[in-house]
Amino acid sequence: MTSQLSARDRLLDAAEDLAFTQGVAATPVDVILKQANVAPATLYAHFGNKEGLIVQALQRRLGRWDEAWRLAINKASTPRERLVALLPGLQNYRESVTPARWCPFLGVAAESPHPGDALQEALASDTQLLSTRLRELAIPVVGATGAGALAEELLLIYTGVLGMILRGVATGDAVALGLKTSQLAIDAALNESG
């Protein structure tokens, strides 16, 4: 089945649909090609190889995730709500995009013990976005001194929420628990700073 999408977009969609749900290693190139309805030469012309396709699929996914997270931040009315908007943003994102068993960045990292430079950079960009933005959002809540430590705790909670989803917990339930735990972490950080 072909669509009005370009061959490049069909390949990216197929990579997300297959590699990010079944695993990169478990998804042969020919399966991606079949779903995208393109010839091997098309993949190699656009991406160079399977890893190049995965890199660009991750980059596209990060852009979409960044947009969803920003929307959640913009809907929040207080600095504290903006800080925890990561989790409602995750829930909205998971409901609106191609599903994945869990975080494609963590999944690809787990499957790639020796990633090439481009893949390593794509994987690091997710962590960089999470760490930097959480730290920036934490400053108005707990001040600059405690922002780094709180950002790390919230990143740990976020990763735990993703892990719970992978274990079969419904996204809404995992997010609710993550929000409760995040509020406890923020309260503890405020008590330490005050």
N, C-alpha and C. Protein backbone atom coordinates (compact mmCIF):
# COMPACT_ATOMS: atom_id res chain seq x y z
N MET A 1 0.84 -1.18 0.00
CA MET A 1 0.00 0.00 0.00
C MET A 1 0.88 1.24 0.00
N THR A 2 0.77 2.07 -1.00
CA THR A 2 1.52 3.30 -1.07
C THR A 2 0.61 4.45 -0.69
N SER A 3 1.20 5.56 -0.40
CA SER A 3 0.42 6.73 -0.03
C SER A 3 1.03 7.93 -0.72
N GLN A 4 0.54 9.10 -0.37
CA GLN A 4 1.06 10.34 -0.93
C GLN A 4 2.37 10.74 -0.27
N LEU A 5 2.79 10.01 0.76
CA LEU A 5 4.05 10.31 1.41
C LEU A 5 5.22 10.01 0.49
N SER A 6 6.29 10.76 0.65
CA SER A 6 7.50 10.49 -0.13
C SER A 6 8.09 9.15 0.31
N ALA A 7 8.93 8.58 -0.53
CA ALA A 7 9.61 7.33 -0.19
C ALA A 7 10.42 7.51 1.09
N ARG A 8 11.04 8.66 1.26
CA ARG A 8 11.83 8.93 2.46
C ARG A 8 10.95 8.89 3.71
N ASP A 9 9.80 9.54 3.65
CA ASP A 9 8.89 9.55 4.80
C ASP A 9 8.32 8.17 5.08
N ARG A 10 8.04 7.42 4.02
CA ARG A 10 7.53 6.05 4.21
C ARG A 10 8.59 5.19 4.90
N LEU A 11 9.84 5.38 4.54
CA LEU A 11 10.91 4.63 5.21
C LEU A 11 11.03 5.02 6.68
N LEU A 12 10.94 6.32 6.96
CA LEU A 12 11.00 6.76 8.36
C LEU A 12 9.81 6.23 9.16
N ASP A 13 8.64 6.27 8.56
CA ASP A 13 7.45 5.73 9.23
C ASP A 13 7.61 4.24 9.49
N ALA A 14 8.10 3.51 8.50
CA ALA A 14 8.28 2.07 8.66
C ALA A 14 9.31 1.78 9.75
N ALA A 15 10.37 2.57 9.81
CA ALA A 15 11.37 2.37 10.86
C ALA A 15 10.74 2.57 12.24
N GLU A 16 9.92 3.60 12.36
CA GLU A 16 9.24 3.83 13.64
C GLU A 16 8.26 2.72 13.95
N ASP A 17 7.45 2.36 12.97
CA ASP A 17 6.43 1.33 13.19
C ASP A 17 7.05 -0.01 13.56
N LEU A 18 8.15 -0.36 12.94
CA LEU A 18 8.74 -1.69 13.13
C LEU A 18 9.89 -1.68 14.12
N ALA A 19 10.93 -0.92 13.83
CA ALA A 19 12.14 -0.98 14.65
C ALA A 19 11.90 -0.48 16.07
N PHE A 20 11.01 0.51 16.22
CA PHE A 20 10.79 1.06 17.55
C PHE A 20 9.73 0.29 18.34
N THR A 21 9.07 -0.66 17.69
CA THR A 21 8.13 -1.52 18.42
C THR A 21 8.68 -2.93 18.57
N GLN A 22 9.39 -3.43 17.57
CA GLN A 22 9.93 -4.80 17.60
C GLN A 22 11.39 -4.84 18.02
N GLY A 23 12.08 -3.73 17.90
CA GLY A 23 13.50 -3.66 18.17
C GLY A 23 14.28 -3.54 16.87
N VAL A 24 15.35 -2.80 16.91
CA VAL A 24 16.15 -2.56 15.71
C VAL A 24 16.78 -3.87 15.23
N ALA A 25 17.38 -4.60 16.14
CA ALA A 25 18.06 -5.84 15.74
C ALA A 25 17.08 -6.87 15.21
N ALA A 26 15.86 -6.88 15.73
CA ALA A 26 14.86 -7.88 15.32
C ALA A 26 14.12 -7.47 14.05
N THR A 27 14.44 -6.31 13.51
CA THR A 27 13.75 -5.82 12.33
C THR A 27 14.72 -5.76 11.15
N PRO A 28 14.66 -6.75 10.27
CA PRO A 28 15.54 -6.74 9.10
C PRO A 28 15.18 -5.61 8.13
N VAL A 29 16.17 -5.18 7.39
CA VAL A 29 15.97 -4.11 6.40
C VAL A 29 14.87 -4.49 5.41
N ASP A 30 14.83 -5.75 4.98
CA ASP A 30 13.83 -6.13 3.97
C ASP A 30 12.40 -5.97 4.48
N VAL A 31 12.20 -6.12 5.77
CA VAL A 31 10.87 -5.92 6.35
C VAL A 31 10.50 -4.44 6.31
N ILE A 32 11.46 -3.58 6.63
CA ILE A 32 11.24 -2.13 6.56
C ILE A 32 10.94 -1.73 5.12
N LEU A 33 11.74 -2.25 4.19
CA LEU A 33 11.55 -1.94 2.77
C LEU A 33 10.16 -2.36 2.29
N LYS A 34 9.74 -3.55 2.71
CA LYS A 34 8.43 -4.06 2.29
C LYS A 34 7.31 -3.16 2.82
N GLN A 35 7.38 -2.79 4.09
CA GLN A 35 6.32 -1.94 4.64
C GLN A 35 6.32 -0.57 3.98
N ALA A 36 7.49 -0.04 3.68
CA ALA A 36 7.58 1.28 3.04
C ALA A 36 7.29 1.21 1.55
N ASN A 37 7.28 0.00 1.02
CA ASN A 37 7.05 -0.21 -0.41
C ASN A 37 8.07 0.54 -1.27
N VAL A 38 9.36 0.34 -0.93
CA VAL A 38 10.45 0.96 -1.68
C VAL A 38 11.52 -0.09 -1.96
N ALA A 39 12.35 0.22 -2.94
CA ALA A 39 13.47 -0.65 -3.30
C ALA A 39 14.66 -0.37 -2.38
N PRO A 40 15.56 -1.35 -2.23
CA PRO A 40 16.75 -1.13 -1.39
C PRO A 40 17.54 0.10 -1.79
N ALA A 41 17.64 0.36 -3.09
CA ALA A 41 18.42 1.52 -3.53
C ALA A 41 17.87 2.82 -2.96
N THR A 42 16.57 2.88 -2.73
CA THR A 42 15.95 4.09 -2.18
C THR A 42 16.43 4.33 -0.75
N LEU A 43 16.48 3.27 0.05
CA LEU A 43 16.97 3.40 1.42
C LEU A 43 18.41 3.89 1.41
N TYR A 44 19.24 3.27 0.58
CA TYR A 44 20.66 3.63 0.56
C TYR A 44 20.89 5.03 0.00
N ALA A 45 20.05 5.46 -0.94
CA ALA A 45 20.17 6.80 -1.48
C ALA A 45 19.83 7.87 -0.45
N HIS A 46 18.82 7.60 0.37
CA HIS A 46 18.38 8.60 1.35
C HIS A 46 19.16 8.54 2.67
N PHE A 47 19.55 7.33 3.09
CA PHE A 47 20.09 7.18 4.43
C PHE A 47 21.46 6.51 4.51
N GLY A 48 21.93 5.96 3.43
CA GLY A 48 23.23 5.30 3.43
C GLY A 48 23.18 3.85 3.84
N ASN A 49 22.49 3.58 4.95
CA ASN A 49 22.35 2.22 5.47
C ASN A 49 21.27 2.20 6.55
N LYS A 50 21.07 1.05 7.15
CA LYS A 50 20.03 0.91 8.17
C LYS A 50 20.30 1.83 9.36
N GLU A 51 21.55 1.93 9.79
CA GLU A 51 21.86 2.80 10.92
C GLU A 51 21.54 4.25 10.58
N GLY A 52 21.82 4.67 9.35
CA GLY A 52 21.48 6.03 8.94
C GLY A 52 19.98 6.28 8.99
N LEU A 53 19.20 5.28 8.61
CA LEU A 53 17.75 5.37 8.69
C LEU A 53 17.32 5.51 10.16
N ILE A 54 17.88 4.70 11.02
CA ILE A 54 17.53 4.75 12.44
C ILE A 54 17.91 6.09 13.04
N VAL A 55 19.07 6.61 12.68
CA VAL A 55 19.51 7.92 13.18
C VAL A 55 18.48 8.98 12.81
N GLN A 56 18.07 9.01 11.54
CA GLN A 56 17.13 10.04 11.12
C GLN A 56 15.73 9.81 11.70
N ALA A 57 15.35 8.57 11.90
CA ALA A 57 14.06 8.29 12.55
C ALA A 57 14.09 8.78 14.00
N LEU A 58 15.22 8.59 14.68
CA LEU A 58 15.36 9.09 16.04
C LEU A 58 15.34 10.62 16.06
N GLN A 59 16.03 11.25 15.13
CA GLN A 59 16.04 12.71 15.08
C GLN A 59 14.64 13.27 14.84
N ARG A 60 13.91 12.64 13.93
CA ARG A 60 12.55 13.09 13.67
C ARG A 60 11.68 12.90 14.90
N ARG A 61 11.83 11.75 15.55
CA ARG A 61 11.04 11.47 16.75
C ARG A 61 11.37 12.46 17.86
N LEU A 62 12.64 12.81 18.02
CA LEU A 62 13.02 13.78 19.04
C LEU A 62 12.39 15.13 18.75
N GLY A 63 12.35 15.53 17.49
CA GLY A 63 11.70 16.79 17.14
C GLY A 63 10.22 16.79 17.50
N ARG A 64 9.56 15.69 17.23
CA ARG A 64 8.14 15.57 17.56
C ARG A 64 7.92 15.54 19.07
N TRP A 65 8.81 14.84 19.79
CA TRP A 65 8.71 14.78 21.25
C TRP A 65 8.95 16.16 21.84
N ASP A 66 9.95 16.87 21.34
CA ASP A 66 10.25 18.21 21.82
C ASP A 66 9.02 19.11 21.66
N GLU A 67 8.37 19.03 20.51
CA GLU A 67 7.17 19.82 20.27
C GLU A 67 6.05 19.46 21.25
N ALA A 68 5.83 18.18 21.48
CA ALA A 68 4.78 17.75 22.41
C ALA A 68 5.09 18.21 23.83
N TRP A 69 6.35 18.11 24.22
CA TRP A 69 6.73 18.54 25.57
C TRP A 69 6.54 20.05 25.71
N ARG A 70 6.94 20.81 24.69
CA ARG A 70 6.76 22.27 24.75
C ARG A 70 5.28 22.64 24.87
N LEU A 71 4.42 21.92 24.16
CA LEU A 71 2.98 22.18 24.27
C LEU A 71 2.50 21.95 25.70
N ALA A 72 2.96 20.88 26.32
CA ALA A 72 2.57 20.59 27.70
C ALA A 72 3.09 21.68 28.64
N ILE A 73 4.29 22.16 28.40
CA ILE A 73 4.85 23.24 29.23
C ILE A 73 4.01 24.50 29.06
N ASN A 74 3.66 24.81 27.82
CA ASN A 74 2.88 26.03 27.55
C ASN A 74 1.48 25.98 28.16
N LYS A 75 0.93 24.78 28.35
CA LYS A 75 -0.39 24.64 28.97
C LYS A 75 -0.32 24.82 30.49
N ALA A 76 0.84 24.63 31.07
CA ALA A 76 1.00 24.72 32.53
C ALA A 76 0.95 26.18 32.96
N SER A 77 0.42 26.43 34.16
CA SER A 77 0.23 27.81 34.59
C SER A 77 1.21 28.26 35.67
N THR A 78 1.93 27.33 36.29
CA THR A 78 2.88 27.72 37.33
C THR A 78 4.25 27.10 37.03
N PRO A 79 5.31 27.65 37.62
CA PRO A 79 6.63 27.04 37.40
C PRO A 79 6.69 25.57 37.81
N ARG A 80 6.01 25.22 38.88
CA ARG A 80 6.00 23.83 39.34
C ARG A 80 5.27 22.92 38.33
N GLU A 81 4.16 23.39 37.79
CA GLU A 81 3.44 22.62 36.77
C GLU A 81 4.26 22.49 35.50
N ARG A 82 5.00 23.56 35.14
CA ARG A 82 5.86 23.48 33.95
C ARG A 82 6.96 22.45 34.16
N LEU A 83 7.48 22.37 35.37
CA LEU A 83 8.55 21.43 35.68
C LEU A 83 8.09 19.99 35.52
N VAL A 84 6.88 19.68 35.94
CA VAL A 84 6.39 18.30 35.84
C VAL A 84 5.60 18.05 34.55
N ALA A 85 5.52 19.04 33.67
CA ALA A 85 4.79 18.90 32.41
C ALA A 85 5.39 17.81 31.53
N LEU A 86 6.60 17.39 31.84
CA LEU A 86 7.24 16.29 31.13
C LEU A 86 6.34 15.05 31.09
N LEU A 87 5.70 14.74 32.20
CA LEU A 87 4.91 13.51 32.28
C LEU A 87 3.56 13.62 31.57
N PRO A 88 2.78 14.67 31.76
CA PRO A 88 1.58 14.80 30.93
C PRO A 88 1.95 14.90 29.44
N GLY A 89 3.06 15.55 29.15
CA GLY A 89 3.53 15.61 27.77
C GLY A 89 3.81 14.23 27.21
N LEU A 90 4.41 13.37 28.04
CA LEU A 90 4.68 12.00 27.63
C LEU A 90 3.37 11.26 27.33
N GLN A 91 2.40 11.42 28.19
CA GLN A 91 1.12 10.73 27.99
C GLN A 91 0.46 11.20 26.69
N ASN A 92 0.41 12.49 26.48
CA ASN A 92 -0.20 13.03 25.26
C ASN A 92 0.58 12.56 24.03
N TYR A 93 1.88 12.54 24.13
CA TYR A 93 2.73 12.14 23.01
C TYR A 93 2.49 10.68 22.66
N ARG A 94 2.45 9.82 23.66
CA ARG A 94 2.25 8.39 23.41
C ARG A 94 0.88 8.13 22.79
N GLU A 95 -0.09 8.96 23.08
CA GLU A 95 -1.42 8.79 22.52
C GLU A 95 -1.55 9.34 21.11
N SER A 96 -0.57 10.16 20.67
CA SER A 96 -0.73 10.84 19.38
C SER A 96 0.26 10.41 18.30
N VAL A 97 1.29 9.65 18.64
CA VAL A 97 2.28 9.25 17.64
C VAL A 97 2.32 7.74 17.50
N THR A 98 3.13 7.31 16.55
CA THR A 98 3.34 5.88 16.36
C THR A 98 3.78 5.27 17.69
N PRO A 99 3.15 4.22 18.12
CA PRO A 99 3.51 3.65 19.41
C PRO A 99 4.89 3.02 19.40
N ALA A 100 5.46 2.94 20.55
CA ALA A 100 6.71 2.21 20.75
C ALA A 100 6.54 1.45 22.05
N ARG A 101 7.27 0.37 22.19
CA ARG A 101 7.16 -0.39 23.44
C ARG A 101 7.59 0.47 24.62
N TRP A 102 8.59 1.26 24.40
CA TRP A 102 8.99 2.26 25.39
C TRP A 102 9.80 3.30 24.67
N CYS A 103 10.73 3.92 25.31
CA CYS A 103 11.50 5.00 24.68
C CYS A 103 12.41 4.43 23.59
N PRO A 104 12.21 4.84 22.34
CA PRO A 104 13.09 4.34 21.27
C PRO A 104 14.56 4.66 21.51
N PHE A 105 14.85 5.78 22.16
CA PHE A 105 16.24 6.14 22.42
C PHE A 105 16.88 5.14 23.38
N LEU A 106 16.17 4.78 24.43
CA LEU A 106 16.70 3.80 25.37
C LEU A 106 16.76 2.42 24.73
N GLY A 107 15.76 2.09 23.93
CA GLY A 107 15.75 0.80 23.25
C GLY A 107 16.92 0.65 22.29
N VAL A 108 17.13 1.67 21.47
CA VAL A 108 18.24 1.62 20.51
C VAL A 108 19.57 1.61 21.25
N ALA A 109 19.69 2.38 22.32
CA ALA A 109 20.94 2.39 23.09
C ALA A 109 21.23 1.01 23.67
N ALA A 110 20.18 0.34 24.15
CA ALA A 110 20.36 -1.00 24.73
C ALA A 110 20.78 -2.00 23.66
N GLU A 111 20.33 -1.81 22.44
CA GLU A 111 20.65 -2.73 21.35
C GLU A 111 21.94 -2.39 20.62
N SER A 112 22.56 -1.28 20.95
CA SER A 112 23.71 -0.79 20.20
C SER A 112 24.92 -0.59 21.11
N PRO A 113 25.62 -1.67 21.48
CA PRO A 113 26.76 -1.52 22.37
C PRO A 113 27.91 -0.73 21.77
N HIS A 114 27.99 -0.67 20.44
CA HIS A 114 29.05 0.07 19.76
C HIS A 114 28.46 0.93 18.64
N PRO A 115 27.68 1.96 19.01
CA PRO A 115 27.04 2.77 17.97
C PRO A 115 28.07 3.61 17.21
N GLY A 116 27.77 3.85 15.94
CA GLY A 116 28.60 4.77 15.17
C GLY A 116 28.44 6.19 15.71
N ASP A 117 29.28 7.08 15.22
CA ASP A 117 29.27 8.45 15.73
C ASP A 117 27.90 9.13 15.57
N ALA A 118 27.29 8.97 14.40
CA ALA A 118 26.00 9.63 14.17
C ALA A 118 24.92 9.07 15.08
N LEU A 119 24.93 7.76 15.29
CA LEU A 119 23.94 7.15 16.18
C LEU A 119 24.20 7.57 17.63
N GLN A 120 25.45 7.60 18.03
CA GLN A 120 25.78 8.04 19.40
C GLN A 120 25.32 9.47 19.63
N GLU A 121 25.50 10.32 18.63
CA GLU A 121 25.07 11.71 18.74
C GLU A 121 23.55 11.81 18.84
N ALA A 122 22.84 11.01 18.03
CA ALA A 122 21.37 11.02 18.07
C ALA A 122 20.87 10.55 19.44
N LEU A 123 21.50 9.52 19.98
CA LEU A 123 21.09 9.01 21.30
C LEU A 123 21.38 10.04 22.39
N ALA A 124 22.52 10.69 22.31
CA ALA A 124 22.88 11.68 23.32
C ALA A 124 21.98 12.92 23.27
N SER A 125 21.44 13.22 22.09
CA SER A 125 20.60 14.42 21.96
C SER A 125 19.34 14.33 22.80
N ASP A 126 18.80 13.13 22.96
CA ASP A 126 17.62 12.93 23.81
C ASP A 126 17.96 13.23 25.26
N THR A 127 19.03 12.66 25.75
CA THR A 127 19.46 12.90 27.13
C THR A 127 19.77 14.38 27.34
N GLN A 128 20.43 15.00 26.38
CA GLN A 128 20.78 16.41 26.49
C GLN A 128 19.52 17.27 26.59
N LEU A 129 18.54 17.00 25.75
CA LEU A 129 17.29 17.76 25.80
C LEU A 129 16.62 17.60 27.16
N LEU A 130 16.48 16.37 27.62
CA LEU A 130 15.83 16.11 28.90
C LEU A 130 16.57 16.80 30.04
N SER A 131 17.86 16.60 30.13
CA SER A 131 18.65 17.15 31.25
C SER A 131 18.64 18.67 31.25
N THR A 132 18.88 19.25 30.09
CA THR A 132 18.98 20.71 30.00
C THR A 132 17.65 21.38 30.32
N ARG A 133 16.58 20.89 29.70
CA ARG A 133 15.29 21.54 29.92
C ARG A 133 14.80 21.34 31.35
N LEU A 134 14.97 20.15 31.90
CA LEU A 134 14.54 19.94 33.29
C LEU A 134 15.31 20.85 34.23
N ARG A 135 16.60 21.01 34.01
CA ARG A 135 17.39 21.91 34.84
C ARG A 135 16.88 23.34 34.72
N GLU A 136 16.62 23.79 33.50
CA GLU A 136 16.11 25.15 33.29
C GLU A 136 14.75 25.35 33.96
N LEU A 137 13.89 24.35 33.86
CA LEU A 137 12.56 24.46 34.47
C LEU A 137 12.61 24.36 35.99
N ALA A 138 13.63 23.73 36.53
CA ALA A 138 13.76 23.59 37.98
C ALA A 138 14.23 24.86 38.66
N ILE A 139 14.96 25.70 37.96
CA ILE A 139 15.51 26.92 38.57
C ILE A 139 14.44 27.80 39.20
N PRO A 140 13.33 28.11 38.50
CA PRO A 140 12.31 28.95 39.15
C PRO A 140 11.62 28.27 40.34
N VAL A 141 11.73 26.96 40.43
CA VAL A 141 11.05 26.23 41.50
C VAL A 141 11.94 26.10 42.74
N VAL A 142 13.20 25.69 42.55
CA VAL A 142 14.07 25.42 43.70
C VAL A 142 15.34 26.27 43.71
N GLY A 143 15.53 27.12 42.72
CA GLY A 143 16.73 27.94 42.65
C GLY A 143 17.85 27.22 41.90
N ALA A 144 18.83 27.99 41.49
CA ALA A 144 19.92 27.48 40.67
C ALA A 144 20.75 26.41 41.38
N THR A 145 20.93 26.55 42.69
CA THR A 145 21.78 25.62 43.42
C THR A 145 21.22 24.20 43.42
N GLY A 146 19.92 24.07 43.61
CA GLY A 146 19.32 22.73 43.67
C GLY A 146 18.76 22.22 42.36
N ALA A 147 18.81 23.03 41.30
CA ALA A 147 18.16 22.68 40.04
C ALA A 147 18.78 21.44 39.38
N GLY A 148 20.09 21.33 39.41
CA GLY A 148 20.75 20.20 38.76
C GLY A 148 20.38 18.87 39.39
N ALA A 149 20.43 18.84 40.72
CA ALA A 149 20.11 17.60 41.42
C ALA A 149 18.64 17.21 41.23
N LEU A 150 17.75 18.19 41.29
CA LEU A 150 16.33 17.90 41.09
C LEU A 150 16.08 17.43 39.65
N ALA A 151 16.73 18.05 38.69
CA ALA A 151 16.58 17.62 37.30
C ALA A 151 16.99 16.17 37.13
N GLU A 152 18.07 15.76 37.77
CA GLU A 152 18.52 14.36 37.69
C GLU A 152 17.48 13.43 38.32
N GLU A 153 16.90 13.83 39.44
CA GLU A 153 15.87 13.00 40.08
C GLU A 153 14.63 12.87 39.19
N LEU A 154 14.24 13.97 38.57
CA LEU A 154 13.07 13.93 37.69
C LEU A 154 13.34 13.11 36.43
N LEU A 155 14.56 13.15 35.94
CA LEU A 155 14.93 12.31 34.80
C LEU A 155 14.88 10.84 35.19
N LEU A 156 15.30 10.53 36.40
CA LEU A 156 15.21 9.16 36.90
C LEU A 156 13.74 8.72 37.01
N ILE A 157 12.89 9.60 37.50
CA ILE A 157 11.45 9.28 37.60
C ILE A 157 10.86 9.08 36.21
N TYR A 158 11.19 9.93 35.28
CA TYR A 158 10.71 9.80 33.90
C TYR A 158 11.13 8.45 33.31
N THR A 159 12.38 8.09 33.51
CA THR A 159 12.87 6.81 33.01
C THR A 159 12.14 5.65 33.68
N GLY A 160 11.85 5.81 34.96
CA GLY A 160 11.07 4.79 35.67
C GLY A 160 9.66 4.66 35.13
N VAL A 161 9.04 5.78 34.78
CA VAL A 161 7.71 5.75 34.18
C VAL A 161 7.76 4.98 32.86
N LEU A 162 8.78 5.26 32.04
CA LEU A 162 8.93 4.53 30.78
C LEU A 162 9.11 3.03 31.04
N GLY A 163 9.88 2.70 32.06
CA GLY A 163 10.08 1.29 32.42
C GLY A 163 8.78 0.63 32.87
N MET A 164 7.97 1.34 33.63
CA MET A 164 6.69 0.79 34.07
C MET A 164 5.77 0.53 32.88
N ILE A 165 5.79 1.44 31.90
CA ILE A 165 4.99 1.23 30.69
C ILE A 165 5.47 -0.03 29.97
N LEU A 166 6.77 -0.21 29.90
CA LEU A 166 7.33 -1.41 29.27
C LEU A 166 6.90 -2.66 30.01
N ARG A 167 6.72 -2.57 31.31
CA ARG A 167 6.29 -3.71 32.12
C ARG A 167 4.79 -3.98 32.00
N GLY A 168 4.09 -3.14 31.24
CA GLY A 168 2.67 -3.39 31.00
C GLY A 168 1.73 -2.51 31.80
N VAL A 169 2.25 -1.60 32.59
CA VAL A 169 1.39 -0.67 33.33
C VAL A 169 0.82 0.33 32.31
N ALA A 170 -0.45 0.62 32.41
CA ALA A 170 -1.09 1.58 31.51
C ALA A 170 -0.38 2.92 31.61
N THR A 171 -0.26 3.59 30.48
CA THR A 171 0.47 4.87 30.44
C THR A 171 -0.09 5.85 31.46
N GLY A 172 -1.41 5.99 31.53
CA GLY A 172 -2.01 6.94 32.47
C GLY A 172 -1.68 6.61 33.92
N ASP A 173 -1.68 5.33 34.26
CA ASP A 173 -1.35 4.92 35.62
C ASP A 173 0.12 5.19 35.94
N ALA A 174 1.00 4.88 34.98
CA ALA A 174 2.43 5.11 35.18
C ALA A 174 2.71 6.60 35.31
N VAL A 175 2.05 7.42 34.49
CA VAL A 175 2.23 8.87 34.56
C VAL A 175 1.72 9.41 35.89
N ALA A 176 0.57 8.93 36.35
CA ALA A 176 0.02 9.39 37.64
C ALA A 176 0.99 9.09 38.78
N LEU A 177 1.56 7.89 38.79
CA LEU A 177 2.54 7.55 39.82
C LEU A 177 3.79 8.40 39.68
N GLY A 178 4.21 8.64 38.44
CA GLY A 178 5.37 9.49 38.21
C GLY A 178 5.15 10.92 38.68
N LEU A 179 3.94 11.43 38.46
CA LEU A 179 3.63 12.79 38.94
C LEU A 179 3.65 12.85 40.46
N LYS A 180 3.09 11.85 41.10
CA LYS A 180 3.08 11.82 42.57
C LYS A 180 4.51 11.77 43.10
N THR A 181 5.34 10.93 42.50
CA THR A 181 6.73 10.80 42.93
C THR A 181 7.50 12.09 42.65
N SER A 182 7.22 12.73 41.51
CA SER A 182 7.87 13.99 41.17
C SER A 182 7.54 15.08 42.19
N GLN A 183 6.28 15.13 42.60
CA GLN A 183 5.89 16.13 43.61
C GLN A 183 6.64 15.91 44.92
N LEU A 184 6.83 14.65 45.30
CA LEU A 184 7.60 14.34 46.51
C LEU A 184 9.05 14.79 46.36
N ALA A 185 9.62 14.58 45.19
CA ALA A 185 11.00 14.99 44.94
C ALA A 185 11.13 16.51 44.99
N ILE A 186 10.14 17.21 44.43
CA ILE A 186 10.17 18.67 44.47
C ILE A 186 10.03 19.17 45.91
N ASP A 187 9.10 18.58 46.66
CA ASP A 187 8.95 18.98 48.08
C ASP A 187 10.24 18.77 48.85
N ALA A 188 10.89 17.63 48.63
CA ALA A 188 12.16 17.36 49.33
C ALA A 188 13.22 18.36 48.93
N ALA A 189 13.29 18.72 47.66
CA ALA A 189 14.27 19.71 47.21
C ALA A 189 13.98 21.09 47.81
N LEU A 190 12.72 21.44 47.91
CA LEU A 190 12.35 22.70 48.53
C LEU A 190 12.71 22.72 50.02
N ASN A 191 12.50 21.61 50.71
CA ASN A 191 12.86 21.53 52.11
C ASN A 191 14.37 21.66 52.30
N GLU A 192 15.15 21.07 51.39
CA GLU A 192 16.59 21.18 51.49
C GLU A 192 17.08 22.59 51.22
N SER A 193 16.41 23.28 50.29
CA SER A 193 16.87 24.63 49.93
C SER A 193 16.37 25.69 50.90
N GLY A 194 15.30 25.36 51.64
CA GLY A 194 14.68 26.33 52.53
C GLY A 194 15.19 26.21 53.88
